[in-house]
């Protein structure tokens, strides 16, 4: 499979790049993609939630009423969960929500999403470019030329480019990542994925390990 390389004016450059069928032409594994997204979102959770249990409540331990003759249930402590201000039963405790996913599964998830994106014509290849200085206005012009100014887009760089990154940082619908930072969640979240020409070889190399 080949894609035409575009320039920042949205015009064809006459160059073409080859896409590896083992990455961009497989049958997507929906369950593997689900697991990868689940792990990504789980890793974002802080897990710092905490509720006080019975032993942690600061109240007197005296027996609050006599055992018999009250006509109600017996009670020994104001810390009991049945009383207002008492401890919480099985309350949340700090925990880590992250879980392990094999490297082979993570690679398969990326390949699955990239293959589906290509089938849906949601992948573009753009020649490498740079800005003289960080300017959001310049990046917006690139988006308009590519027809992405109203869509969610993900730009994948071949190497770190501070001017391009800073130019896109204020745009809510656009995200710029280095090829090593590419993840399934960002791929799914974007309506269009734009690979800079220098990033494709690195992405394909990483996914073929």
C-alpha atoms as a PDB file:
ATOM      1  CA  UNK A   1       0.000   0.000   0.000  1.00  0.00           C
ATOM      2  CA  UNK A   2       1.265   3.471  -0.910  1.00  0.00           C
ATOM      3  CA  UNK A   3       0.178   6.938   0.165  1.00  0.00           C
ATOM      4  CA  UNK A   4       0.926  10.243  -1.532  1.00  0.00           C
ATOM      5  CA  UNK A   5       2.997  12.719   0.464  1.00  0.00           C
ATOM      6  CA  UNK A   6       1.396  16.157   0.857  1.00  0.00           C
ATOM      7  CA  UNK A   7       3.027  19.499   1.610  1.00  0.00           C
ATOM      8  CA  UNK A   8       1.815  22.033   4.182  1.00  0.00           C
ATOM      9  CA  UNK A   9      -0.286  23.714   1.474  1.00  0.00           C
ATOM     10  CA  UNK A  10      -2.242  20.461   1.102  1.00  0.00           C
ATOM     11  CA  UNK A  11      -0.879  19.820  -2.396  1.00  0.00           C
ATOM     12  CA  UNK A  12       0.628  16.556  -3.615  1.00  0.00           C
ATOM     13  CA  UNK A  13       4.433  16.572  -3.752  1.00  0.00           C
ATOM     14  CA  UNK A  14       4.727  13.734  -6.246  1.00  0.00           C
ATOM     15  CA  UNK A  15       6.424  11.521  -3.662  1.00  0.00           C
ATOM     16  CA  UNK A  16       4.906   8.333  -2.317  1.00  0.00           C
ATOM     17  CA  UNK A  17       5.618   6.264   0.789  1.00  0.00           C
ATOM     18  CA  UNK A  18       5.122   2.524   1.214  1.00  0.00           C
ATOM     19  CA  UNK A  19       3.111   1.221   4.135  1.00  0.00           C
ATOM     20  CA  UNK A  20       3.896  -2.162   5.658  1.00  0.00           C
ATOM     21  CA  UNK A  21       0.937  -4.510   5.163  1.00  0.00           C
ATOM     22  CA  UNK A  22       1.817  -6.317   8.404  1.00  0.00           C
ATOM     23  CA  UNK A  23       1.030  -3.055  10.228  1.00  0.00           C
ATOM     24  CA  UNK A  24      -1.518  -1.205   8.087  1.00  0.00           C
ATOM     25  CA  UNK A  25      -3.231  -4.187   6.466  1.00  0.00           C
ATOM     26  CA  UNK A  26      -4.186  -6.621   9.220  1.00  0.00           C
ATOM     27  CA  UNK A  27      -7.599  -7.687  10.484  1.00  0.00           C
ATOM     28  CA  UNK A  28      -8.223  -5.480  13.546  1.00  0.00           C
ATOM     29  CA  UNK A  29      -8.488  -7.159  16.947  1.00  0.00           C
ATOM     30  CA  UNK A  30     -11.226  -5.227  18.742  1.00  0.00           C
ATOM     31  CA  UNK A  31     -10.704  -6.946  22.093  1.00  0.00           C
ATOM     32  CA  UNK A  32      -6.984  -6.163  22.139  1.00  0.00           C
ATOM     33  CA  UNK A  33      -7.761  -2.504  21.362  1.00  0.00           C
ATOM     34  CA  UNK A  34     -10.289  -2.501  24.216  1.00  0.00           C
ATOM     35  CA  UNK A  35      -7.683  -3.849  26.656  1.00  0.00           C
ATOM     36  CA  UNK A  36      -5.106  -1.276  25.565  1.00  0.00           C
ATOM     37  CA  UNK A  37      -7.529   1.643  25.994  1.00  0.00           C
ATOM     38  CA  UNK A  38      -8.663   0.245  29.338  1.00  0.00           C
ATOM     39  CA  UNK A  39      -5.059   0.063  30.553  1.00  0.00           C
ATOM     40  CA  UNK A  40      -4.319   3.599  29.323  1.00  0.00           C
ATOM     41  CA  UNK A  41      -7.329   5.070  31.135  1.00  0.00           C
ATOM     42  CA  UNK A  42      -6.621   3.024  34.270  1.00  0.00           C
ATOM     43  CA  UNK A  43      -3.082   4.405  34.392  1.00  0.00           C
ATOM     44  CA  UNK A  44      -4.509   7.960  34.389  1.00  0.00           C
ATOM     45  CA  UNK A  45      -6.407   7.348  37.635  1.00  0.00           C
ATOM     46  CA  UNK A  46      -4.728   8.718  40.749  1.00  0.00           C
ATOM     47  CA  UNK A  47      -6.272   6.163  43.065  1.00  0.00           C
ATOM     48  CA  UNK A  48      -5.946   8.482  46.077  1.00  0.00           C
ATOM     49  CA  UNK A  49      -9.567   8.089  47.216  1.00  0.00           C
ATOM     50  CA  UNK A  50      -9.975   7.272  50.917  1.00  0.00           C
ATOM     51  CA  UNK A  51     -12.866   6.996  53.369  1.00  0.00           C
ATOM     52  CA  UNK A  52     -12.462   6.570  57.129  1.00  0.00           C
ATOM     53  CA  UNK A  53     -13.430   3.213  58.521  1.00  0.00           C
ATOM     54  CA  UNK A  54     -14.689   2.476  62.014  1.00  0.00           C
ATOM     55  CA  UNK A  55     -11.236   2.269  63.591  1.00  0.00           C
ATOM     56  CA  UNK A  56     -10.203   5.661  62.174  1.00  0.00           C
ATOM     57  CA  UNK A  57     -13.113   7.747  63.473  1.00  0.00           C
ATOM     58  CA  UNK A  58     -12.267  10.159  66.313  1.00  0.00           C
ATOM     59  CA  UNK A  59     -15.121   9.581  68.748  1.00  0.00           C
ATOM     60  CA  UNK A  60     -15.526   8.375  72.305  1.00  0.00           C
ATOM     61  CA  UNK A  61     -15.505   4.626  72.806  1.00  0.00           C
ATOM     62  CA  UNK A  62     -17.972   4.672  75.697  1.00  0.00           C
ATOM     63  CA  UNK A  63     -21.168   2.669  75.403  1.00  0.00           C
ATOM     64  CA  UNK A  64     -23.694   5.219  74.174  1.00  0.00           C
ATOM     65  CA  UNK A  65     -26.770   3.693  75.814  1.00  0.00           C
ATOM     66  CA  UNK A  66     -27.710   0.844  78.078  1.00  0.00           C
ATOM     67  CA  UNK A  67     -27.880  -2.661  76.695  1.00  0.00           C
ATOM     68  CA  UNK A  68     -31.521  -3.426  77.453  1.00  0.00           C
ATOM     69  CA  UNK A  69     -34.803  -1.651  77.936  1.00  0.00           C
ATOM     70  CA  UNK A  70     -34.523   1.011  75.222  1.00  0.00           C
ATOM     71  CA  UNK A  71     -36.822  -0.724  72.747  1.00  0.00           C
ATOM     72  CA  UNK A  72     -34.197  -0.350  70.027  1.00  0.00           C
ATOM     73  CA  UNK A  73     -31.223  -2.338  68.877  1.00  0.00           C
ATOM     74  CA  UNK A  74     -28.227  -2.576  71.200  1.00  0.00           C
ATOM     75  CA  UNK A  75     -25.333  -0.256  70.399  1.00  0.00           C
ATOM     76  CA  UNK A  76     -21.826  -0.106  71.792  1.00  0.00           C
ATOM     77  CA  UNK A  77     -20.067   2.766  70.014  1.00  0.00           C
ATOM     78  CA  UNK A  78     -20.797   6.012  68.177  1.00  0.00           C
ATOM     79  CA  UNK A  79     -18.203   4.903  65.627  1.00  0.00           C
ATOM     80  CA  UNK A  80     -20.606   2.286  64.310  1.00  0.00           C
ATOM     81  CA  UNK A  81     -21.437   2.653  60.597  1.00  0.00           C
ATOM     82  CA  UNK A  82     -25.175   2.714  61.414  1.00  0.00           C
ATOM     83  CA  UNK A  83     -24.834   6.129  63.098  1.00  0.00           C
ATOM     84  CA  UNK A  84     -24.360   9.526  61.470  1.00  0.00           C
ATOM     85  CA  UNK A  85     -20.669  10.413  61.631  1.00  0.00           C
ATOM     86  CA  UNK A  86     -19.651   6.791  62.065  1.00  0.00           C
ATOM     87  CA  UNK A  87     -17.179   4.851  59.955  1.00  0.00           C
ATOM     88  CA  UNK A  88     -17.913   3.685  56.432  1.00  0.00           C
ATOM     89  CA  UNK A  89     -18.244  -0.006  55.677  1.00  0.00           C
ATOM     90  CA  UNK A  90     -15.910  -1.237  52.915  1.00  0.00           C
ATOM     91  CA  UNK A  91     -15.030   2.327  51.926  1.00  0.00           C
ATOM     92  CA  UNK A  92     -12.541   3.135  49.140  1.00  0.00           C
ATOM     93  CA  UNK A  93      -8.847   2.769  49.932  1.00  0.00           C
ATOM     94  CA  UNK A  94      -5.825   4.136  48.024  1.00  0.00           C
ATOM     95  CA  UNK A  95      -4.923   1.720  45.247  1.00  0.00           C
ATOM     96  CA  UNK A  96      -3.177   1.435  41.900  1.00  0.00           C
ATOM     97  CA  UNK A  97      -5.560   0.721  39.005  1.00  0.00           C
ATOM     98  CA  UNK A  98      -2.844  -0.087  36.469  1.00  0.00           C
ATOM     99  CA  UNK A  99      -2.535  -3.618  35.111  1.00  0.00           C
ATOM    100  CA  UNK A 100      -0.039  -5.423  32.889  1.00  0.00           C
ATOM    101  CA  UNK A 101      -0.454  -5.886  29.165  1.00  0.00           C
ATOM    102  CA  UNK A 102       2.055  -7.846  27.115  1.00  0.00           C
ATOM    103  CA  UNK A 103       4.200  -5.955  24.593  1.00  0.00           C
ATOM    104  CA  UNK A 104       2.905  -8.172  21.793  1.00  0.00           C
ATOM    105  CA  UNK A 105      -0.676  -7.213  22.688  1.00  0.00           C
ATOM    106  CA  UNK A 106       0.191  -3.517  22.799  1.00  0.00           C
ATOM    107  CA  UNK A 107       1.784  -3.732  19.353  1.00  0.00           C
ATOM    108  CA  UNK A 108      -1.228  -5.642  18.008  1.00  0.00           C
ATOM    109  CA  UNK A 109      -3.568  -2.960  19.368  1.00  0.00           C
ATOM    110  CA  UNK A 110      -1.651  -0.194  17.542  1.00  0.00           C
ATOM    111  CA  UNK A 111      -1.553  -2.211  14.332  1.00  0.00           C
ATOM    112  CA  UNK A 112      -5.295  -2.855  14.603  1.00  0.00           C
ATOM    113  CA  UNK A 113      -6.155   0.833  14.975  1.00  0.00           C
ATOM    114  CA  UNK A 114      -3.763   1.906  12.206  1.00  0.00           C
ATOM    115  CA  UNK A 115      -5.215  -0.725   9.856  1.00  0.00           C
ATOM    116  CA  UNK A 116      -8.755   0.465  10.575  1.00  0.00           C
ATOM    117  CA  UNK A 117      -7.739   4.107  10.137  1.00  0.00           C
ATOM    118  CA  UNK A 118      -6.250   3.319   6.732  1.00  0.00           C
ATOM    119  CA  UNK A 119      -9.393   1.448   5.663  1.00  0.00           C
ATOM    120  CA  UNK A 120     -11.450   4.497   6.661  1.00  0.00           C
ATOM    121  CA  UNK A 121      -9.103   6.864   4.765  1.00  0.00           C
ATOM    122  CA  UNK A 122      -8.218   8.674   7.978  1.00  0.00           C
ATOM    123  CA  UNK A 123      -4.425   8.697   7.524  1.00  0.00           C
ATOM    124  CA  UNK A 124      -2.402  11.382   5.762  1.00  0.00           C
ATOM    125  CA  UNK A 125       1.354  11.684   5.160  1.00  0.00           C
ATOM    126  CA  UNK A 126       2.852  15.154   5.307  1.00  0.00           C
ATOM    127  CA  UNK A 127       6.362  16.124   4.330  1.00  0.00           C
ATOM    128  CA  UNK A 128       8.584  17.202   7.224  1.00  0.00           C
ATOM    129  CA  UNK A 129       8.215  20.887   8.053  1.00  0.00           C
ATOM    130  CA  UNK A 130       9.218  23.413  10.685  1.00  0.00           C
ATOM    131  CA  UNK A 131       8.294  26.943  11.760  1.00  0.00           C
ATOM    132  CA  UNK A 132      10.771  29.766  12.273  1.00  0.00           C
ATOM    133  CA  UNK A 133       9.079  30.527  15.594  1.00  0.00           C
ATOM    134  CA  UNK A 134       6.163  29.081  17.581  1.00  0.00           C
ATOM    135  CA  UNK A 135       2.968  30.575  16.133  1.00  0.00           C
ATOM    136  CA  UNK A 136      -0.489  29.081  16.535  1.00  0.00           C
ATOM    137  CA  UNK A 137      -1.641  31.057  13.504  1.00  0.00           C
ATOM    138  CA  UNK A 138       0.864  29.232  11.284  1.00  0.00           C
ATOM    139  CA  UNK A 139      -0.324  25.832  12.495  1.00  0.00           C
ATOM    140  CA  UNK A 140      -3.953  26.793  11.874  1.00  0.00           C
ATOM    141  CA  UNK A 141      -3.038  27.598   8.271  1.00  0.00           C
ATOM    142  CA  UNK A 142      -1.620  24.079   7.903  1.00  0.00           C
ATOM    143  CA  UNK A 143      -4.820  22.582   9.328  1.00  0.00           C
ATOM    144  CA  UNK A 144      -6.965  24.598   6.933  1.00  0.00           C
ATOM    145  CA  UNK A 145      -4.860  23.537   3.961  1.00  0.00           C
ATOM    146  CA  UNK A 146      -5.324  19.881   4.951  1.00  0.00           C
ATOM    147  CA  UNK A 147      -9.035  20.312   5.687  1.00  0.00           C
ATOM    148  CA  UNK A 148      -8.549  19.499   9.361  1.00  0.00           C
ATOM    149  CA  UNK A 149      -9.459  22.816  10.986  1.00  0.00           C
ATOM    150  CA  UNK A 150     -12.848  21.466  12.160  1.00  0.00           C
ATOM    151  CA  UNK A 151     -11.720  17.894  12.934  1.00  0.00           C
ATOM    152  CA  UNK A 152      -9.806  16.231  15.729  1.00  0.00           C
ATOM    153  CA  UNK A 153      -6.310  15.526  14.445  1.00  0.00           C
ATOM    154  CA  UNK A 154      -3.164  13.799  15.653  1.00  0.00           C
ATOM    155  CA  UNK A 155       0.220  14.783  14.209  1.00  0.00           C
ATOM    156  CA  UNK A 156       3.060  12.270  14.599  1.00  0.00           C
ATOM    157  CA  UNK A 157       6.578  13.729  14.429  1.00  0.00           C
ATOM    158  CA  UNK A 158       9.707  11.866  13.418  1.00  0.00           C
ATOM    159  CA  UNK A 159      11.730  13.700  16.046  1.00  0.00           C
ATOM    160  CA  UNK A 160      11.085  16.330  18.694  1.00  0.00           C
ATOM    161  CA  UNK A 161      10.227  19.717  17.188  1.00  0.00           C
ATOM    162  CA  UNK A 162       9.601  22.403  19.781  1.00  0.00           C
ATOM    163  CA  UNK A 163       8.305  25.053  17.381  1.00  0.00           C
ATOM    164  CA  UNK A 164       5.688  22.744  15.880  1.00  0.00           C
ATOM    165  CA  UNK A 165       4.674  21.419  19.301  1.00  0.00           C
ATOM    166  CA  UNK A 166       4.313  24.869  20.866  1.00  0.00           C
ATOM    167  CA  UNK A 167       2.390  26.147  17.839  1.00  0.00           C
ATOM    168  CA  UNK A 168      -0.254  23.442  18.342  1.00  0.00           C
ATOM    169  CA  UNK A 169      -0.467  23.463  22.122  1.00  0.00           C
ATOM    170  CA  UNK A 170      -3.379  25.926  22.357  1.00  0.00           C
ATOM    171  CA  UNK A 171      -5.537  24.068  19.837  1.00  0.00           C
ATOM    172  CA  UNK A 172      -8.122  21.897  21.569  1.00  0.00           C
ATOM    173  CA  UNK A 173      -8.795  19.580  18.630  1.00  0.00           C
ATOM    174  CA  UNK A 174      -5.152  19.007  17.678  1.00  0.00           C
ATOM    175  CA  UNK A 175      -2.431  17.013  19.400  1.00  0.00           C
ATOM    176  CA  UNK A 176       1.210  16.667  18.385  1.00  0.00           C
ATOM    177  CA  UNK A 177       3.269  13.699  19.616  1.00  0.00           C
ATOM    178  CA  UNK A 178       6.671  12.231  18.905  1.00  0.00           C
ATOM    179  CA  UNK A 179       6.698   8.802  17.225  1.00  0.00           C
ATOM    180  CA  UNK A 180       7.806   7.167  20.492  1.00  0.00           C
ATOM    181  CA  UNK A 181       4.782   8.661  22.317  1.00  0.00           C
ATOM    182  CA  UNK A 182       2.193   7.249  19.937  1.00  0.00           C
ATOM    183  CA  UNK A 183      -0.575   5.397  21.783  1.00  0.00           C
ATOM    184  CA  UNK A 184      -3.847   3.702  20.920  1.00  0.00           C
ATOM    185  CA  UNK A 185      -6.046   6.114  22.890  1.00  0.00           C
ATOM    186  CA  UNK A 186      -4.794   9.158  20.949  1.00  0.00           C
ATOM    187  CA  UNK A 187      -5.162   7.280  17.649  1.00  0.00           C
ATOM    188  CA  UNK A 188      -8.793   6.394  18.374  1.00  0.00           C
ATOM    189  CA  UNK A 189      -9.571   9.866  19.705  1.00  0.00           C
ATOM    190  CA  UNK A 190      -8.440  11.528  16.470  1.00  0.00           C
ATOM    191  CA  UNK A 191     -10.617  11.784  13.373  1.00  0.00           C
ATOM    192  CA  UNK A 192      -7.492  12.093  11.217  1.00  0.00           C
ATOM    193  CA  UNK A 193      -3.917  10.921  11.833  1.00  0.00           C
ATOM    194  CA  UNK A 194      -1.167  12.859  10.079  1.00  0.00           C
ATOM    195  CA  UNK A 195       2.243  11.206   9.896  1.00  0.00           C
ATOM    196  CA  UNK A 196       5.168  13.416   9.055  1.00  0.00           C
ATOM    197  CA  UNK A 197       7.260  11.701   6.418  1.00  0.00           C
ATOM    198  CA  UNK A 198      10.177  11.108   8.790  1.00  0.00           C
ATOM    199  CA  UNK A 199       7.998   9.422  11.413  1.00  0.00           C
ATOM    200  CA  UNK A 200       6.592   6.559   9.313  1.00  0.00           C
ATOM    201  CA  UNK A 201       9.805   4.544   9.088  1.00  0.00           C
ATOM    202  CA  UNK A 202      10.348   4.844  12.849  1.00  0.00           C
ATOM    203  CA  UNK A 203       6.772   3.858  13.703  1.00  0.00           C
ATOM    204  CA  UNK A 204       6.948   0.832  11.407  1.00  0.00           C
ATOM    205  CA  UNK A 205      10.321  -0.155  12.818  1.00  0.00           C
ATOM    206  CA  UNK A 206       9.007   0.018  16.401  1.00  0.00           C
ATOM    207  CA  UNK A 207       5.933  -2.075  15.563  1.00  0.00           C
ATOM    208  CA  UNK A 208       7.959  -4.760  13.782  1.00  0.00           C
ATOM    209  CA  UNK A 209      10.216  -5.518  16.755  1.00  0.00           C
END
